[in-house]
């Protein structure tokens, strides 16, 4: 995930910088600088692309397919075709998973079909998708990758080749699933209900939930009913981002129907070592010493982003003032919540902030002082989620 920082200085100028962060949650959630640095170091240590890993991953998958004792069960059957896939490539994917040449090739083969949007799969095609995903031993691979993430965070050292092979195997399977679903890449595939129904039970297990077989089956079934981000076709980055957040909230809330409080606690405590569903959406940090200065920086950002002329900058300033005021009124996550409750509250808060940004940019696009061309650019919205802060 790329995070850009715009910092207001005393002279009224601002500095732009970009850094890569492997955050522990799907969204930009609170964390100490030390934990963020540890995550970044772990991701860097583990994310070493190697085209040869794809061939090794393929051999591992063939071995799993031939080993009946390790072949996961097929997905529960559902009736009729279904629109699958999570909108946009903005969904999370781990920096842990290396992008191999094979995966890139598989992800690009059906670019023209993906441009038309997610595919509507028949029951037979869904079954084929499930069978392809079942070639991966998700339980073993994800547990190994969680262990590797923990070790890398603790030591900052690279892991062995076996971990890279498993990471390549996971990435390749998700890239192929995305191709079948008409999605943009491995990250988007993780938002699909069918993919989730295969992956999420093993993912929860790897993060300490220790599901029994009945719970694993129940989670798999719930994943098929949780709304995906493609319930409506997004028309902008922010709309797609909000759909992804809402889909993740629904998924997280469904866990409480099956998991015990102790299991939820274990999952929430271990999710910092999640090797799979990481944030990848663009985020822009804007900070200033006062709300009024922050409004000016937001207006300047919109002026640059939407190429506004001098006649439109007053409207940008007015909208920015209302937007900053609304964002500052959103309360922080309560400090006395348990880990899982804090996760849901953080997701809810992120959803509110994206909605406020989307509303503000729509209000700017509707301003009478903007030209038709400016309205068109503003109407498309930003390509980053704004994170506002007033430095005290």
Protein backbone atom coordinates (compact mmCIF):
# COMPACT_ATOMS: atom_id res chain seq x y z
CA UNK A 1 0.00 0.00 0.00
CA UNK A 2 1.34 3.41 -0.90
CA UNK A 3 0.85 6.17 1.62
CA UNK A 4 1.59 9.74 0.62
CA UNK A 5 2.18 12.34 3.34
CA UNK A 6 1.38 16.03 2.81
CA UNK A 7 2.69 17.96 5.79
CA UNK A 8 1.85 21.64 6.26
CA UNK A 9 4.80 23.81 7.24
CA UNK A 10 4.89 27.17 8.94
CA UNK A 11 5.44 28.96 5.64
CA UNK A 12 2.29 27.44 4.19
CA UNK A 13 3.96 25.06 1.77
CA UNK A 14 3.74 21.30 1.99
CA UNK A 15 6.03 18.34 1.49
CA UNK A 16 5.01 15.22 -0.40
CA UNK A 17 6.59 11.86 0.27
CA UNK A 18 5.67 8.26 -0.45
CA UNK A 19 6.40 5.16 1.60
CA UNK A 20 5.37 1.49 1.42
CA UNK A 21 3.67 0.06 4.50
CA UNK A 22 2.50 -3.48 5.21
CA UNK A 23 -0.34 -2.65 7.59
CA UNK A 24 -1.83 -5.40 9.75
CA UNK A 25 -5.46 -4.86 8.77
CA UNK A 26 -7.53 -4.60 5.63
CA UNK A 27 -7.73 -0.85 6.22
CA UNK A 28 -5.53 1.85 7.66
CA UNK A 29 -6.00 0.99 11.29
CA UNK A 30 -4.24 2.44 14.32
CA UNK A 31 -0.79 1.16 15.19
CA UNK A 32 2.47 2.27 16.68
CA UNK A 33 5.38 3.36 14.53
CA UNK A 34 7.31 0.35 15.83
CA UNK A 35 4.64 -2.11 14.74
CA UNK A 36 4.33 -0.45 11.32
CA UNK A 37 8.09 -0.56 10.86
CA UNK A 38 8.16 -4.22 11.89
CA UNK A 39 5.40 -5.01 9.40
CA UNK A 40 7.25 -3.19 6.65
CA UNK A 41 10.47 -5.07 7.42
CA UNK A 42 8.70 -8.41 7.51
CA UNK A 43 6.97 -7.81 4.21
CA UNK A 44 10.21 -6.71 2.58
CA UNK A 45 11.99 -9.81 3.84
CA UNK A 46 9.31 -12.14 2.50
CA UNK A 47 8.21 -10.52 -0.76
CA UNK A 48 11.02 -11.61 -3.07
CA UNK A 49 9.64 -12.30 -6.58
CA UNK A 50 11.15 -15.21 -8.46
CA UNK A 51 9.70 -16.53 -11.72
CA UNK A 52 11.05 -20.02 -10.96
CA UNK A 53 8.79 -20.25 -7.93
CA UNK A 54 5.71 -20.56 -10.11
CA UNK A 55 6.94 -23.87 -11.54
CA UNK A 56 7.69 -25.16 -8.05
CA UNK A 57 4.26 -24.06 -6.87
CA UNK A 58 2.64 -25.86 -9.77
CA UNK A 59 4.48 -29.07 -8.87
CA UNK A 60 3.31 -28.77 -5.27
CA UNK A 61 -0.26 -28.30 -6.41
CA UNK A 62 -0.04 -31.38 -8.63
CA UNK A 63 1.24 -33.38 -5.66
CA UNK A 64 -1.67 -32.18 -3.52
CA UNK A 65 -4.15 -33.13 -6.24
CA UNK A 66 -2.68 -36.66 -6.38
CA UNK A 67 -2.75 -37.07 -2.62
CA UNK A 68 -6.34 -38.00 -1.78
CA UNK A 69 -5.73 -37.63 1.94
CA UNK A 70 -4.86 -33.96 1.48
CA UNK A 71 -7.49 -33.02 -1.09
CA UNK A 72 -9.90 -30.51 0.50
CA UNK A 73 -13.62 -31.07 0.17
CA UNK A 74 -15.51 -29.41 -2.65
CA UNK A 75 -17.63 -26.35 -1.99
CA UNK A 76 -21.27 -26.73 -1.01
CA UNK A 77 -23.41 -26.69 -4.15
CA UNK A 78 -25.53 -23.63 -4.87
CA UNK A 79 -28.24 -23.27 -7.44
CA UNK A 80 -28.24 -21.06 -10.49
CA UNK A 81 -25.68 -18.64 -11.87
CA UNK A 82 -24.29 -15.96 -9.62
CA UNK A 83 -22.42 -12.72 -10.10
CA UNK A 84 -19.09 -13.23 -8.41
CA UNK A 85 -16.16 -11.01 -7.58
CA UNK A 86 -15.30 -7.97 -5.54
CA UNK A 87 -15.17 -4.65 -7.28
CA UNK A 88 -11.90 -3.23 -8.46
CA UNK A 89 -8.34 -4.24 -7.77
CA UNK A 90 -8.33 -2.11 -4.65
CA UNK A 91 -9.09 -5.01 -2.33
CA UNK A 92 -6.38 -6.20 -0.03
CA UNK A 93 -3.63 -8.60 -0.91
CA UNK A 94 -0.53 -9.47 1.05
CA UNK A 95 2.83 -7.97 0.26
CA UNK A 96 3.99 -11.38 1.51
CA UNK A 97 2.87 -13.14 -1.67
CA UNK A 98 5.46 -12.85 -4.44
CA UNK A 99 4.19 -11.91 -7.87
CA UNK A 100 5.72 -14.46 -10.20
CA UNK A 101 6.05 -14.22 -13.97
CA UNK A 102 3.53 -17.06 -14.32
CA UNK A 103 1.03 -15.29 -12.09
CA UNK A 104 1.45 -12.05 -14.03
CA UNK A 105 0.91 -13.90 -17.27
CA UNK A 106 -2.16 -15.67 -15.93
CA UNK A 107 -3.57 -12.42 -14.60
CA UNK A 108 -3.11 -10.67 -17.96
CA UNK A 109 -4.46 -13.35 -20.28
CA UNK A 110 -8.08 -12.24 -20.01
CA UNK A 111 -7.63 -8.49 -19.68
CA UNK A 112 -10.14 -7.77 -22.41
CA UNK A 113 -12.82 -9.91 -20.76
CA UNK A 114 -12.13 -8.35 -17.34
CA UNK A 115 -12.69 -4.91 -18.81
CA UNK A 116 -16.34 -5.90 -19.23
CA UNK A 117 -16.62 -6.58 -15.49
CA UNK A 118 -16.97 -9.70 -13.31
CA UNK A 119 -18.17 -12.86 -15.02
CA UNK A 120 -21.51 -14.50 -14.28
CA UNK A 121 -20.52 -18.10 -13.58
CA UNK A 122 -22.72 -21.14 -14.06
CA UNK A 123 -22.94 -23.84 -11.39
CA UNK A 124 -20.53 -25.94 -13.45
CA UNK A 125 -18.04 -23.08 -13.71
CA UNK A 126 -18.31 -22.46 -9.98
CA UNK A 127 -17.56 -26.11 -9.32
CA UNK A 128 -14.51 -25.90 -11.58
CA UNK A 129 -13.34 -22.81 -9.71
CA UNK A 130 -13.70 -24.67 -6.41
CA UNK A 131 -11.77 -27.65 -7.75
CA UNK A 132 -8.94 -25.44 -8.98
CA UNK A 133 -8.69 -23.71 -5.60
CA UNK A 134 -8.78 -27.07 -3.80
CA UNK A 135 -5.45 -28.00 -5.39
CA UNK A 136 -3.79 -25.74 -2.83
CA UNK A 137 -3.38 -27.01 0.72
CA UNK A 138 -4.62 -23.71 2.17
CA UNK A 139 -4.42 -24.90 5.77
CA UNK A 140 -0.74 -25.79 5.63
CA UNK A 141 0.29 -22.94 3.34
CA UNK A 142 -1.39 -20.19 5.37
CA UNK A 143 -0.16 -21.56 8.70
CA UNK A 144 3.38 -21.68 7.31
CA UNK A 145 3.07 -18.13 5.98
CA UNK A 146 1.72 -16.83 9.31
CA UNK A 147 4.67 -18.46 11.07
CA UNK A 148 7.04 -16.93 8.52
CA UNK A 149 5.44 -13.51 9.04
CA UNK A 150 5.91 -13.81 12.80
CA UNK A 151 9.53 -14.88 12.43
CA UNK A 152 10.31 -12.14 9.93
CA UNK A 153 8.70 -9.49 12.14
CA UNK A 154 10.74 -10.71 15.09
CA UNK A 155 14.09 -11.14 13.35
CA UNK A 156 13.93 -9.01 10.20
CA UNK A 157 15.61 -11.86 8.33
CA UNK A 158 14.66 -13.55 5.09
CA UNK A 159 12.88 -16.90 5.23
CA UNK A 160 13.71 -20.14 3.43
CA UNK A 161 12.81 -21.13 -0.10
CA UNK A 162 9.95 -23.36 1.05
CA UNK A 163 8.07 -20.30 2.28
CA UNK A 164 8.57 -18.55 -1.05
CA UNK A 165 7.25 -21.61 -2.88
CA UNK A 166 4.12 -21.66 -0.72
CA UNK A 167 3.62 -17.92 -1.21
CA UNK A 168 3.97 -18.35 -4.97
CA UNK A 169 1.51 -21.23 -4.87
CA UNK A 170 -1.08 -19.08 -3.10
CA UNK A 171 -0.54 -16.13 -5.42
CA UNK A 172 -0.79 -18.32 -8.52
CA UNK A 173 -4.04 -19.93 -7.36
CA UNK A 174 -5.60 -16.54 -6.65
CA UNK A 175 -4.40 -15.13 -9.99
CA UNK A 176 -6.01 -18.03 -11.82
CA UNK A 177 -9.22 -17.58 -9.82
CA UNK A 178 -9.27 -13.88 -10.72
CA UNK A 179 -8.89 -14.79 -14.38
CA UNK A 180 -11.85 -17.18 -14.18
CA UNK A 181 -13.94 -14.55 -12.41
CA UNK A 182 -13.03 -11.71 -14.76
CA UNK A 183 -11.40 -9.71 -11.97
CA UNK A 184 -8.28 -7.57 -12.05
CA UNK A 185 -5.94 -9.75 -10.05
CA UNK A 186 -5.27 -11.94 -7.00
CA UNK A 187 -6.29 -9.19 -4.58
CA UNK A 188 -9.75 -8.83 -6.09
CA UNK A 189 -10.27 -12.61 -6.05
CA UNK A 190 -10.09 -12.56 -2.25
CA UNK A 191 -13.32 -10.56 -2.17
CA UNK A 192 -15.26 -13.17 -4.12
CA UNK A 193 -17.73 -15.26 -2.06
CA UNK A 194 -16.68 -18.57 -3.63
CA UNK A 195 -12.98 -17.89 -3.14
CA UNK A 196 -13.64 -16.79 0.41
CA UNK A 197 -15.63 -19.96 1.14
CA UNK A 198 -12.51 -21.99 0.32
CA UNK A 199 -9.85 -19.72 1.80
CA UNK A 200 -11.39 -18.05 4.87
CA UNK A 201 -11.81 -21.16 7.09
CA UNK A 202 -8.12 -22.02 6.62
CA UNK A 203 -7.20 -18.35 7.01
CA UNK A 204 -9.03 -18.14 10.36
CA UNK A 205 -7.37 -21.37 11.47
CA UNK A 206 -3.95 -20.02 10.58
CA UNK A 207 -4.66 -16.91 12.65
CA UNK A 208 -5.39 -18.92 15.78
CA UNK A 209 -9.14 -19.59 15.62
CA UNK A 210 -8.60 -23.40 15.55
CA UNK A 211 -11.94 -24.26 13.94
CA UNK A 212 -13.47 -27.68 14.37
CA UNK A 213 -14.86 -29.33 11.19
CA UNK A 214 -18.42 -28.17 11.87
CA UNK A 215 -17.27 -24.57 12.37
CA UNK A 216 -15.16 -24.68 9.21
CA UNK A 217 -18.17 -25.87 7.21
CA UNK A 218 -20.37 -23.18 8.78
CA UNK A 219 -17.86 -20.41 7.98
CA UNK A 220 -17.57 -21.69 4.42
CA UNK A 221 -21.33 -21.52 3.99
CA UNK A 222 -21.55 -18.05 5.54
CA UNK A 223 -18.94 -16.77 3.09
CA UNK A 224 -21.29 -17.68 0.25
CA UNK A 225 -24.05 -15.52 1.73
CA UNK A 226 -22.05 -12.45 2.77
CA UNK A 227 -22.59 -9.66 0.21
CA UNK A 228 -19.63 -9.07 -2.08
CA UNK A 229 -18.41 -5.70 -3.26
CA UNK A 230 -19.93 -6.31 -6.68
CA UNK A 231 -23.53 -6.03 -5.52
CA UNK A 232 -23.43 -2.74 -7.44
CA UNK A 233 -20.95 -1.80 -10.15
CA UNK A 234 -18.68 0.95 -8.73
CA UNK A 235 -18.06 4.00 -10.87
CA UNK A 236 -15.13 5.45 -8.90
CA UNK A 237 -12.22 4.51 -6.67
CA UNK A 238 -14.02 5.73 -3.54
CA UNK A 239 -17.22 3.89 -4.39
CA UNK A 240 -15.27 0.68 -4.92
CA UNK A 241 -13.36 1.26 -1.69
CA UNK A 242 -16.54 1.76 0.30
CA UNK A 243 -18.08 -1.39 -1.19
CA UNK A 244 -14.94 -3.34 -0.22
CA UNK A 245 -15.07 -2.00 3.35
CA UNK A 246 -18.77 -2.81 3.73
CA UNK A 247 -18.21 -6.32 2.38
CA UNK A 248 -15.37 -6.85 4.87
CA UNK A 249 -17.53 -5.56 7.75
CA UNK A 250 -20.24 -8.07 6.83
CA UNK A 251 -17.64 -10.85 6.68
CA UNK A 252 -16.15 -9.93 10.06
CA UNK A 253 -19.59 -9.70 11.69
CA UNK A 254 -20.52 -13.13 10.36
CA UNK A 255 -17.67 -14.70 12.32
CA UNK A 256 -19.49 -14.06 15.61
CA UNK A 257 -22.29 -16.39 14.46
CA UNK A 258 -19.88 -19.34 14.54
CA UNK A 259 -16.78 -18.56 16.62
CA UNK A 260 -16.65 -18.54 20.41
CA UNK A 261 -15.49 -15.39 22.23
CA UNK A 262 -12.12 -17.06 22.88
CA UNK A 263 -11.73 -17.87 19.17
CA UNK A 264 -12.62 -14.31 18.19
CA UNK A 265 -10.09 -13.03 20.70
CA UNK A 266 -7.37 -15.31 19.31
CA UNK A 267 -8.13 -14.25 15.74
CA UNK A 268 -8.11 -10.55 16.58
CA UNK A 269 -4.86 -10.91 18.53
CA UNK A 270 -3.09 -12.73 15.69
CA UNK A 271 -4.39 -10.78 12.70
CA UNK A 272 -1.32 -8.54 12.81
CA UNK A 273 0.46 -11.53 11.29
CA UNK A 274 -2.09 -11.94 8.50
CA UNK A 275 -0.17 -13.01 5.38
CA UNK A 276 -3.06 -12.69 2.96
CA UNK A 277 -5.70 -9.95 3.19
CA UNK A 278 -3.59 -6.84 3.50
CA UNK A 279 -4.51 -3.28 2.49
CA UNK A 280 -3.55 -2.11 -0.98
CA UNK A 281 -5.72 0.96 -1.48
CA UNK A 282 -3.96 4.27 -2.05
CA UNK A 283 -4.00 6.48 1.03
CA UNK A 284 -3.00 10.14 1.33
CA UNK A 285 -2.19 11.61 4.74
CA UNK A 286 -2.94 15.35 5.03
CA UNK A 287 -2.00 17.14 8.23
CA UNK A 288 -1.83 20.73 9.48
CA UNK A 289 -1.65 22.67 12.72
CA UNK A 290 -5.28 23.84 12.63
CA UNK A 291 -8.57 22.90 10.92
CA UNK A 292 -8.47 26.06 8.83
CA UNK A 293 -4.97 25.27 7.55
CA UNK A 294 -6.04 21.69 6.91
CA UNK A 295 -8.99 22.94 4.85
CA UNK A 296 -6.57 24.94 2.74
CA UNK A 297 -4.42 21.87 2.12
CA UNK A 298 -7.46 19.79 1.14
CA UNK A 299 -8.57 22.53 -1.25
CA UNK A 300 -5.05 22.65 -2.71
CA UNK A 301 -5.08 18.89 -3.16
CA UNK A 302 -8.41 19.04 -5.02
CA UNK A 303 -7.15 21.93 -7.12
CA UNK A 304 -4.21 19.81 -8.20
CA UNK A 305 -6.11 16.52 -8.48
CA UNK A 306 -9.01 17.91 -10.52
CA UNK A 307 -7.03 20.63 -12.33
CA UNK A 308 -9.24 23.44 -11.09
CA UNK A 309 -8.85 26.95 -12.43
CA UNK A 310 -8.63 30.07 -10.29
CA UNK A 311 -12.37 30.67 -10.63
CA UNK A 312 -13.17 27.34 -8.99
CA UNK A 313 -10.79 27.49 -6.06
CA UNK A 314 -13.15 29.40 -3.78
CA UNK A 315 -15.73 26.63 -4.19
CA UNK A 316 -13.04 24.07 -3.39
CA UNK A 317 -12.16 25.99 -0.23
CA UNK A 318 -15.79 26.17 0.89
CA UNK A 319 -16.40 22.46 0.35
CA UNK A 320 -13.08 21.60 2.02
CA UNK A 321 -14.05 23.62 5.12
CA UNK A 322 -17.29 21.67 5.53
CA UNK A 323 -15.51 18.38 4.79
CA UNK A 324 -12.76 18.92 7.38
CA UNK A 325 -15.35 19.92 9.98
CA UNK A 326 -17.35 16.74 9.32
CA UNK A 327 -14.24 14.52 9.51
CA UNK A 328 -13.08 16.10 12.77
CA UNK A 329 -16.52 15.35 14.24
CA UNK A 330 -16.15 11.60 13.66
CA UNK A 331 -15.14 10.13 17.03
CA UNK A 332 -12.08 7.89 17.33
CA UNK A 333 -12.40 4.22 18.15
CA UNK A 334 -13.10 3.82 21.86
CA UNK A 335 -9.94 2.71 23.69
CA UNK A 336 -11.74 0.29 26.05
CA UNK A 337 -12.98 -2.12 23.34
CA UNK A 338 -11.77 -5.68 23.00
CA UNK A 339 -9.61 -6.60 19.98
CA UNK A 340 -12.43 -7.85 17.74
CA UNK A 341 -14.88 -5.10 18.73
CA UNK A 342 -12.11 -2.56 18.05
CA UNK A 343 -11.58 -4.07 14.59
CA UNK A 344 -15.26 -3.73 13.68
CA UNK A 345 -15.36 -0.19 15.09
CA UNK A 346 -12.28 0.75 13.08
CA UNK A 347 -13.86 -0.64 9.91
CA UNK A 348 -17.06 1.30 10.62
CA UNK A 349 -15.07 4.49 11.15
CA UNK A 350 -13.13 3.97 7.92
CA UNK A 351 -16.44 3.47 6.12
CA UNK A 352 -17.70 6.80 7.49
CA UNK A 353 -14.56 8.64 6.42
CA UNK A 354 -14.70 7.29 2.87
CA UNK A 355 -18.38 8.26 2.67
CA UNK A 356 -17.62 11.82 3.83
CA UNK A 357 -14.86 12.20 1.24
CA UNK A 358 -17.10 10.88 -1.50
CA UNK A 359 -19.92 13.25 -0.50
CA UNK A 360 -17.54 16.23 -0.40
CA UNK A 361 -16.10 15.53 -3.84
CA UNK A 362 -19.57 15.04 -5.27
CA UNK A 363 -20.59 18.40 -3.76
CA UNK A 364 -17.54 20.01 -5.38
CA UNK A 365 -18.41 18.45 -8.74
CA UNK A 366 -21.92 19.90 -8.47
CA UNK A 367 -20.68 23.45 -7.80
CA UNK A 368 -21.93 25.98 -10.34
CA UNK A 369 -18.57 27.75 -10.42
CA UNK A 370 -16.80 24.76 -11.97
CA UNK A 371 -16.52 24.43 -15.72
CA UNK A 372 -17.96 21.39 -17.48
CA UNK A 373 -14.50 19.86 -17.81
CA UNK A 374 -13.72 20.49 -14.14
CA UNK A 375 -17.04 18.98 -13.10
CA UNK A 376 -16.23 15.90 -15.16
CA UNK A 377 -12.84 15.46 -13.49
CA UNK A 378 -14.19 16.09 -9.98
CA UNK A 379 -17.12 13.79 -10.65
CA UNK A 380 -14.72 10.89 -11.14
CA UNK A 381 -13.43 11.47 -7.62
CA UNK A 382 -10.00 11.00 -6.08
CA UNK A 383 -7.82 7.96 -6.59
CA UNK A 384 -6.79 7.92 -2.92
CA UNK A 385 -8.45 7.80 0.49
CA UNK A 386 -7.70 10.99 2.41
CA UNK A 387 -6.55 10.67 6.03
CA UNK A 388 -6.89 14.02 7.80
CA UNK A 389 -5.14 15.03 11.00
CA UNK A 390 -4.62 18.20 13.01
CA UNK A 391 -1.26 18.19 14.82
CA UNK A 392 -1.71 19.41 18.37
